[in-house]
Amino acid sequence: MNKPETYNTLHEIRLRKELLLSEIRRDNQQMNLLWKELFRKPEQKKKGFTVASLMSTGAGLADGFMLAWKLYRKFKK
């Protein structure tokens, strides 16, 4: 356990108070930065067509077409 500091003058107390206040403010700024970083929206990638998005869209269209074709053939009768 730390030994409590002793102060002999009011000036020493004021200096200690200013030191603690500056440390608290610095910690507060750091916590604010971390808090904002925690809830920051991720950077969005460029919009447009990429190979992966084209393949995903193409697969979805093919799947939808096959479902429609199967349903058409089933209820055609």
PDB file of N, CA and C in Angstrom:
ATOM      1  N   MET A   1       0.835  -1.170   0.000  1.00  0.00           N
ATOM      2  CA  MET A   1       0.000   0.000   0.000  1.00  0.00           C
ATOM      3  C   MET A   1       0.881   1.235   0.000  1.00  0.00           C
ATOM      4  N   ASN A   2       0.471   2.244  -0.772  1.00  0.00           N
ATOM      5  CA  ASN A   2       1.253   3.463  -0.850  1.00  0.00           C
ATOM      6  C   ASN A   2       1.098   4.300   0.409  1.00  0.00           C
ATOM      7  N   LYS A   3       2.195   4.903   0.779  1.00  0.00           N
ATOM      8  CA  LYS A   3       2.169   5.804   1.925  1.00  0.00           C
ATOM      9  C   LYS A   3       1.513   7.105   1.494  1.00  0.00           C
ATOM     10  N   PRO A   4       0.546   7.623   2.245  1.00  0.00           N
ATOM     11  CA  PRO A   4      -0.103   8.873   1.845  1.00  0.00           C
ATOM     12  C   PRO A   4       0.902  10.022   1.832  1.00  0.00           C
ATOM     13  N   GLU A   5       0.744  10.880   0.833  1.00  0.00           N
ATOM     14  CA  GLU A   5       1.649  12.015   0.732  1.00  0.00           C
ATOM     15  C   GLU A   5       1.295  13.051   1.789  1.00  0.00           C
ATOM     16  N   THR A   6       2.304  13.722   2.262  1.00  0.00           N
ATOM     17  CA  THR A   6       2.068  14.787   3.229  1.00  0.00           C
ATOM     18  C   THR A   6       2.385  16.117   2.564  1.00  0.00           C
ATOM     19  N   TYR A   7       1.596  17.090   2.862  1.00  0.00           N
ATOM     20  CA  TYR A   7       1.763  18.419   2.305  1.00  0.00           C
ATOM     21  C   TYR A   7       1.991  19.401   3.443  1.00  0.00           C
ATOM     22  N   ASN A   8       2.935  20.290   3.214  1.00  0.00           N
ATOM     23  CA  ASN A   8       3.283  21.240   4.269  1.00  0.00           C
ATOM     24  C   ASN A   8       2.701  22.627   4.032  1.00  0.00           C
ATOM     25  N   THR A   9       2.388  22.931   2.783  1.00  0.00           N
ATOM     26  CA  THR A   9       1.876  24.273   2.487  1.00  0.00           C
ATOM     27  C   THR A   9       0.668  24.173   1.571  1.00  0.00           C
ATOM     28  N   LEU A  10      -0.064  25.268   1.504  1.00  0.00           N
ATOM     29  CA  LEU A  10      -1.194  25.349   0.573  1.00  0.00           C
ATOM     30  C   LEU A  10      -0.712  25.313  -0.869  1.00  0.00           C
ATOM     31  N   HIS A  11       0.466  25.862  -1.096  1.00  0.00           N
ATOM     32  CA  HIS A  11       1.024  25.863  -2.451  1.00  0.00           C
ATOM     33  C   HIS A  11       1.248  24.426  -2.949  1.00  0.00           C
ATOM     34  N   GLU A  12       1.768  23.550  -2.101  1.00  0.00           N
ATOM     35  CA  GLU A  12       1.970  22.146  -2.473  1.00  0.00           C
ATOM     36  C   GLU A  12       0.640  21.465  -2.778  1.00  0.00           C
ATOM     37  N   ILE A  13      -0.375  21.802  -2.009  1.00  0.00           N
ATOM     38  CA  ILE A  13      -1.699  21.225  -2.246  1.00  0.00           C
ATOM     39  C   ILE A  13      -2.243  21.703  -3.597  1.00  0.00           C
ATOM     40  N   ARG A  14      -2.085  22.982  -3.903  1.00  0.00           N
ATOM     41  CA  ARG A  14      -2.556  23.520  -5.185  1.00  0.00           C
ATOM     42  C   ARG A  14      -1.823  22.879  -6.360  1.00  0.00           C
ATOM     43  N   LEU A  15      -0.505  22.705  -6.208  1.00  0.00           N
ATOM     44  CA  LEU A  15       0.268  22.066  -7.275  1.00  0.00           C
ATOM     45  C   LEU A  15      -0.203  20.631  -7.504  1.00  0.00           C
ATOM     46  N   ARG A  16      -0.426  19.916  -6.424  1.00  0.00           N
ATOM     47  CA  ARG A  16      -0.908  18.533  -6.536  1.00  0.00           C
ATOM     48  C   ARG A  16      -2.292  18.491  -7.176  1.00  0.00           C
ATOM     49  N   LYS A  17      -3.136  19.436  -6.801  1.00  0.00           N
ATOM     50  CA  LYS A  17      -4.481  19.513  -7.358  1.00  0.00           C
ATOM     51  C   LYS A  17      -4.424  19.786  -8.862  1.00  0.00           C
ATOM     52  N   GLU A  18      -3.561  20.709  -9.278  1.00  0.00           N
ATOM     53  CA  GLU A  18      -3.415  21.011 -10.707  1.00  0.00           C
ATOM     54  C   GLU A  18      -2.883  19.806 -11.473  1.00  0.00           C
ATOM     55  N   LEU A  19      -1.934  19.094 -10.872  1.00  0.00           N
ATOM     56  CA  LEU A  19      -1.380  17.902 -11.512  1.00  0.00           C
ATOM     57  C   LEU A  19      -2.455  16.834 -11.694  1.00  0.00           C
ATOM     58  N   LEU A  20      -3.222  16.589 -10.643  1.00  0.00           N
ATOM     59  CA  LEU A  20      -4.288  15.597 -10.729  1.00  0.00           C
ATOM     60  C   LEU A  20      -5.359  16.004 -11.743  1.00  0.00           C
ATOM     61  N   LEU A  21      -5.691  17.306 -11.747  1.00  0.00           N
ATOM     62  CA  LEU A  21      -6.694  17.786 -12.692  1.00  0.00           C
ATOM     63  C   LEU A  21      -6.228  17.613 -14.134  1.00  0.00           C
ATOM     64  N   SER A  22      -4.959  17.889 -14.399  1.00  0.00           N
ATOM     65  CA  SER A  22      -4.451  17.711 -15.767  1.00  0.00           C
ATOM     66  C   SER A  22      -4.453  16.234 -16.155  1.00  0.00           C
ATOM     67  N   GLU A  23      -4.126  15.341 -15.207  1.00  0.00           N
ATOM     68  CA  GLU A  23      -4.169  13.903 -15.493  1.00  0.00           C
ATOM     69  C   GLU A  23      -5.591  13.443 -15.766  1.00  0.00           C
ATOM     70  N   ILE A  24      -6.547  13.941 -14.999  1.00  0.00           N
ATOM     71  CA  ILE A  24      -7.952  13.580 -15.203  1.00  0.00           C
ATOM     72  C   ILE A  24      -8.428  14.053 -16.568  1.00  0.00           C
ATOM     73  N   ARG A  25      -8.060  15.268 -16.944  1.00  0.00           N
ATOM     74  CA  ARG A  25      -8.472  15.785 -18.259  1.00  0.00           C
ATOM     75  C   ARG A  25      -7.850  14.988 -19.388  1.00  0.00           C
ATOM     76  N   ARG A  26      -6.575  14.610 -19.248  1.00  0.00           N
ATOM     77  CA  ARG A  26      -5.914  13.812 -20.278  1.00  0.00           C
ATOM     78  C   ARG A  26      -6.590  12.449 -20.403  1.00  0.00           C
ATOM     79  N   ASP A  27      -6.888  11.821 -19.266  1.00  0.00           N
ATOM     80  CA  ASP A  27      -7.576  10.529 -19.290  1.00  0.00           C
ATOM     81  C   ASP A  27      -8.975  10.658 -19.889  1.00  0.00           C
ATOM     82  N   ASN A  28      -9.650  11.755 -19.587  1.00  0.00           N
ATOM     83  CA  ASN A  28     -10.984  11.987 -20.131  1.00  0.00           C
ATOM     84  C   ASN A  28     -10.936  12.114 -21.653  1.00  0.00           C
ATOM     85  N   GLN A  29      -9.941  12.833 -22.155  1.00  0.00           N
ATOM     86  CA  GLN A  29      -9.800  12.960 -23.612  1.00  0.00           C
ATOM     87  C   GLN A  29      -9.522  11.604 -24.247  1.00  0.00           C
ATOM     88  N   GLN A  30      -8.672  10.817 -23.607  1.00  0.00           N
ATOM     89  CA  GLN A  30      -8.364   9.491 -24.151  1.00  0.00           C
ATOM     90  C   GLN A  30      -9.603   8.593 -24.136  1.00  0.00           C
ATOM     91  N   MET A  31     -10.387   8.650 -23.068  1.00  0.00           N
ATOM     92  CA  MET A  31     -11.617   7.848 -23.002  1.00  0.00           C
ATOM     93  C   MET A  31     -12.608   8.304 -24.064  1.00  0.00           C
ATOM     94  N   ASN A  32     -12.716   9.611 -24.301  1.00  0.00           N
ATOM     95  CA  ASN A  32     -13.614  10.105 -25.338  1.00  0.00           C
ATOM     96  C   ASN A  32     -13.195   9.599 -26.709  1.00  0.00           C
ATOM     97  N   LEU A  33     -11.888   9.605 -26.989  1.00  0.00           N
ATOM     98  CA  LEU A  33     -11.415   9.089 -28.270  1.00  0.00           C
ATOM     99  C   LEU A  33     -11.736   7.607 -28.417  1.00  0.00           C
ATOM    100  N   LEU A  34     -11.502   6.836 -27.360  1.00  0.00           N
ATOM    101  CA  LEU A  34     -11.797   5.404 -27.417  1.00  0.00           C
ATOM    102  C   LEU A  34     -13.295   5.154 -27.569  1.00  0.00           C
ATOM    103  N   TRP A  35     -14.125   5.942 -26.900  1.00  0.00           N
ATOM    104  CA  TRP A  35     -15.577   5.795 -26.989  1.00  0.00           C
ATOM    105  C   TRP A  35     -16.055   6.082 -28.401  1.00  0.00           C
ATOM    106  N   LYS A  36     -15.545   7.163 -29.002  1.00  0.00           N
ATOM    107  CA  LYS A  36     -15.943   7.496 -30.367  1.00  0.00           C
ATOM    108  C   LYS A  36     -15.470   6.431 -31.341  1.00  0.00           C
ATOM    109  N   GLU A  37     -14.279   5.886 -31.123  1.00  0.00           N
ATOM    110  CA  GLU A  37     -13.757   4.831 -31.987  1.00  0.00           C
ATOM    111  C   GLU A  37     -14.609   3.571 -31.881  1.00  0.00           C
ATOM    112  N   LEU A  38     -15.137   3.304 -30.688  1.00  0.00           N
ATOM    113  CA  LEU A  38     -15.948   2.112 -30.473  1.00  0.00           C
ATOM    114  C   LEU A  38     -17.227   2.154 -31.299  1.00  0.00           C
ATOM    115  N   PHE A  39     -17.845   3.325 -31.411  1.00  0.00           N
ATOM    116  CA  PHE A  39     -19.117   3.440 -32.109  1.00  0.00           C
ATOM    117  C   PHE A  39     -19.002   4.082 -33.486  1.00  0.00           C
ATOM    118  N   ARG A  40     -17.789   4.185 -34.016  1.00  0.00           N
ATOM    119  CA  ARG A  40     -17.596   4.766 -35.340  1.00  0.00           C
ATOM    120  C   ARG A  40     -18.078   3.784 -36.401  1.00  0.00           C
ATOM    121  N   LYS A  41     -18.750   4.320 -37.405  1.00  0.00           N
ATOM    122  CA  LYS A  41     -19.207   3.461 -38.487  1.00  0.00           C
ATOM    123  C   LYS A  41     -17.993   3.010 -39.292  1.00  0.00           C
ATOM    124  N   PRO A  42     -17.985   1.758 -39.702  1.00  0.00           N
ATOM    125  CA  PRO A  42     -16.846   1.295 -40.505  1.00  0.00           C
ATOM    126  C   PRO A  42     -16.833   2.005 -41.855  1.00  0.00           C
ATOM    127  N   GLU A  43     -15.642   2.174 -42.367  1.00  0.00           N
ATOM    128  CA  GLU A  43     -15.518   2.820 -43.668  1.00  0.00           C
ATOM    129  C   GLU A  43     -16.175   1.956 -44.728  1.00  0.00           C
ATOM    130  N   GLN A  44     -16.956   2.607 -45.560  1.00  0.00           N
ATOM    131  CA  GLN A  44     -17.633   1.852 -46.597  1.00  0.00           C
ATOM    132  C   GLN A  44     -16.719   1.723 -47.800  1.00  0.00           C
ATOM    133  N   LYS A  45     -16.784   0.558 -48.391  1.00  0.00           N
ATOM    134  CA  LYS A  45     -15.979   0.320 -49.573  1.00  0.00           C
ATOM    135  C   LYS A  45     -16.604   1.051 -50.746  1.00  0.00           C
ATOM    136  N   LYS A  46     -15.849   1.123 -51.799  1.00  0.00           N
ATOM    137  CA  LYS A  46     -16.346   1.830 -52.972  1.00  0.00           C
ATOM    138  C   LYS A  46     -17.599   1.151 -53.509  1.00  0.00           C
ATOM    139  N   LYS A  47     -18.489   1.976 -53.962  1.00  0.00           N
ATOM    140  CA  LYS A  47     -19.720   1.436 -54.538  1.00  0.00           C
ATOM    141  C   LYS A  47     -19.456   1.160 -56.009  1.00  0.00           C
ATOM    142  N   GLY A  48     -20.181   0.241 -56.537  1.00  0.00           N
ATOM    143  CA  GLY A  48     -20.010  -0.108 -57.935  1.00  0.00           C
ATOM    144  C   GLY A  48     -19.981  -1.610 -58.084  1.00  0.00           C
ATOM    145  N   PHE A  49     -19.672  -2.029 -59.246  1.00  0.00           N
ATOM    146  CA  PHE A  49     -19.664  -3.449 -59.541  1.00  0.00           C
ATOM    147  C   PHE A  49     -18.276  -4.019 -59.359  1.00  0.00           C
ATOM    148  N   THR A  50     -18.196  -5.048 -58.535  1.00  0.00           N
ATOM    149  CA  THR A  50     -16.962  -5.800 -58.381  1.00  0.00           C
ATOM    150  C   THR A  50     -17.249  -7.223 -58.838  1.00  0.00           C
ATOM    151  N   VAL A  51     -16.218  -7.980 -58.987  1.00  0.00           N
ATOM    152  CA  VAL A  51     -16.391  -9.358 -59.449  1.00  0.00           C
ATOM    153  C   VAL A  51     -17.258 -10.138 -58.460  1.00  0.00           C
ATOM    154  N   ALA A  52     -17.014  -9.956 -57.180  1.00  0.00           N
ATOM    155  CA  ALA A  52     -17.786 -10.689 -56.178  1.00  0.00           C
ATOM    156  C   ALA A  52     -19.258 -10.285 -56.207  1.00  0.00           C
ATOM    157  N   SER A  53     -19.525  -8.986 -56.352  1.00  0.00           N
ATOM    158  CA  SER A  53     -20.927  -8.556 -56.367  1.00  0.00           C
ATOM    159  C   SER A  53     -21.620  -9.035 -57.636  1.00  0.00           C
ATOM    160  N   LEU A  54     -20.915  -9.042 -58.752  1.00  0.00           N
ATOM    161  CA  LEU A  54     -21.506  -9.544 -59.999  1.00  0.00           C
ATOM    162  C   LEU A  54     -21.823 -11.036 -59.898  1.00  0.00           C
ATOM    163  N   MET A  55     -20.903 -11.803 -59.293  1.00  0.00           N
ATOM    164  CA  MET A  55     -21.152 -13.243 -59.156  1.00  0.00           C
ATOM    165  C   MET A  55     -22.314 -13.494 -58.194  1.00  0.00           C
ATOM    166  N   SER A  56     -22.385 -12.737 -57.125  1.00  0.00           N
ATOM    167  CA  SER A  56     -23.467 -12.906 -56.168  1.00  0.00           C
ATOM    168  C   SER A  56     -24.806 -12.557 -56.814  1.00  0.00           C
ATOM    169  N   THR A  57     -24.849 -11.466 -57.543  1.00  0.00           N
ATOM    170  CA  THR A  57     -26.080 -11.071 -58.221  1.00  0.00           C
ATOM    171  C   THR A  57     -26.470 -12.096 -59.275  1.00  0.00           C
ATOM    172  N   GLY A  58     -25.479 -12.563 -60.009  1.00  0.00           N
ATOM    173  CA  GLY A  58     -25.748 -13.571 -61.043  1.00  0.00           C
ATOM    174  C   GLY A  58     -26.271 -14.862 -60.450  1.00  0.00           C
ATOM    175  N   ALA A  59     -25.693 -15.291 -59.341  1.00  0.00           N
ATOM    176  CA  ALA A  59     -26.152 -16.527 -58.693  1.00  0.00           C
ATOM    177  C   ALA A  59     -27.573 -16.350 -58.172  1.00  0.00           C
ATOM    178  N   GLY A  60     -27.877 -15.170 -57.621  1.00  0.00           N
ATOM    179  CA  GLY A  60     -29.235 -14.911 -57.135  1.00  0.00           C
ATOM    180  C   GLY A  60     -30.244 -14.913 -58.260  1.00  0.00           C
ATOM    181  N   LEU A  61     -29.876 -14.315 -59.388  1.00  0.00           N
ATOM    182  CA  LEU A  61     -30.785 -14.304 -60.544  1.00  0.00           C
ATOM    183  C   LEU A  61     -31.008 -15.715 -61.088  1.00  0.00           C
ATOM    184  N   ALA A  62     -29.924 -16.499 -61.169  1.00  0.00           N
ATOM    185  CA  ALA A  62     -30.053 -17.871 -61.666  1.00  0.00           C
ATOM    186  C   ALA A  62     -30.932 -18.697 -60.721  1.00  0.00           C
ATOM    187  N   ASP A  63     -30.737 -18.538 -59.430  1.00  0.00           N
ATOM    188  CA  ASP A  63     -31.541 -19.261 -58.446  1.00  0.00           C
ATOM    189  C   ASP A  63     -33.015 -18.868 -58.558  1.00  0.00           C
ATOM    190  N   GLY A  64     -33.273 -17.583 -58.697  1.00  0.00           N
ATOM    191  CA  GLY A  64     -34.656 -17.118 -58.845  1.00  0.00           C
ATOM    192  C   GLY A  64     -35.297 -17.638 -60.117  1.00  0.00           C
ATOM    193  N   PHE A  65     -34.532 -17.646 -61.204  1.00  0.00           N
ATOM    194  CA  PHE A  65     -35.062 -18.157 -62.475  1.00  0.00           C
ATOM    195  C   PHE A  65     -35.390 -19.647 -62.366  1.00  0.00           C
ATOM    196  N   MET A  66     -34.503 -20.414 -61.711  1.00  0.00           N
ATOM    197  CA  MET A  66     -34.764 -21.848 -61.570  1.00  0.00           C
ATOM    198  C   MET A  66     -35.996 -22.097 -60.706  1.00  0.00           C
ATOM    199  N   LEU A  67     -36.172 -21.325 -59.636  1.00  0.00           N
ATOM    200  CA  LEU A  67     -37.352 -21.476 -58.792  1.00  0.00           C
ATOM    201  C   LEU A  67     -38.613 -21.155 -59.595  1.00  0.00           C
ATOM    202  N   ALA A  68     -38.576 -20.072 -60.335  1.00  0.00           N
ATOM    203  CA  ALA A  68     -39.742 -19.697 -61.141  1.00  0.00           C
ATOM    204  C   ALA A  68     -40.061 -20.785 -62.165  1.00  0.00           C
ATOM    205  N   TRP A  69     -39.044 -21.338 -62.796  1.00  0.00           N
ATOM    206  CA  TRP A  69     -39.251 -22.380 -63.797  1.00  0.00           C
ATOM    207  C   TRP A  69     -39.863 -23.630 -63.168  1.00  0.00           C
ATOM    208  N   LYS A  70     -39.368 -24.027 -62.003  1.00  0.00           N
ATOM    209  CA  LYS A  70     -39.910 -25.207 -61.321  1.00  0.00           C
ATOM    210  C   LYS A  70     -41.359 -24.986 -60.906  1.00  0.00           C
ATOM    211  N   LEU A  71     -41.660 -23.798 -60.371  1.00  0.00           N
ATOM    212  CA  LEU A  71     -43.031 -23.494 -59.984  1.00  0.00           C
ATOM    213  C   LEU A  71     -43.949 -23.472 -61.216  1.00  0.00           C
ATOM    214  N   TYR A  72     -43.465 -22.921 -62.323  1.00  0.00           N
ATOM    215  CA  TYR A  72     -44.240 -22.870 -63.550  1.00  0.00           C
ATOM    216  C   TYR A  72     -44.569 -24.271 -64.036  1.00  0.00           C
ATOM    217  N   ARG A  73     -43.562 -25.137 -64.012  1.00  0.00           N
ATOM    218  CA  ARG A  73     -43.790 -26.497 -64.488  1.00  0.00           C
ATOM    219  C   ARG A  73     -44.714 -27.279 -63.550  1.00  0.00           C
ATOM    220  N   LYS A  74     -44.628 -26.991 -62.236  1.00  0.00           N
ATOM    221  CA  LYS A  74     -45.460 -27.705 -61.291  1.00  0.00           C
ATOM    222  C   LYS A  74     -46.926 -27.317 -61.429  1.00  0.00           C
ATOM    223  N   PHE A  75     -47.204 -26.029 -61.584  1.00  0.00           N
ATOM    224  CA  PHE A  75     -48.592 -25.546 -61.632  1.00  0.00           C
ATOM    225  C   PHE A  75     -49.119 -25.383 -63.051  1.00  0.00           C
ATOM    226  N   LYS A  76     -48.350 -25.739 -64.030  1.00  0.00           N
ATOM    227  CA  LYS A  76     -48.778 -25.648 -65.431  1.00  0.00           C
ATOM    228  C   LYS A  76     -49.946 -26.576 -65.714  1.00  0.00           C
ATOM    229  N   LYS A  77     -50.021 -27.675 -65.040  1.00  0.00           N
ATOM    230  CA  LYS A  77     -51.028 -28.703 -65.304  1.00  0.00           C
ATOM    231  C   LYS A  77     -52.415 -28.228 -65.049  1.00  0.00           C
TER     232      LYS A  77
END
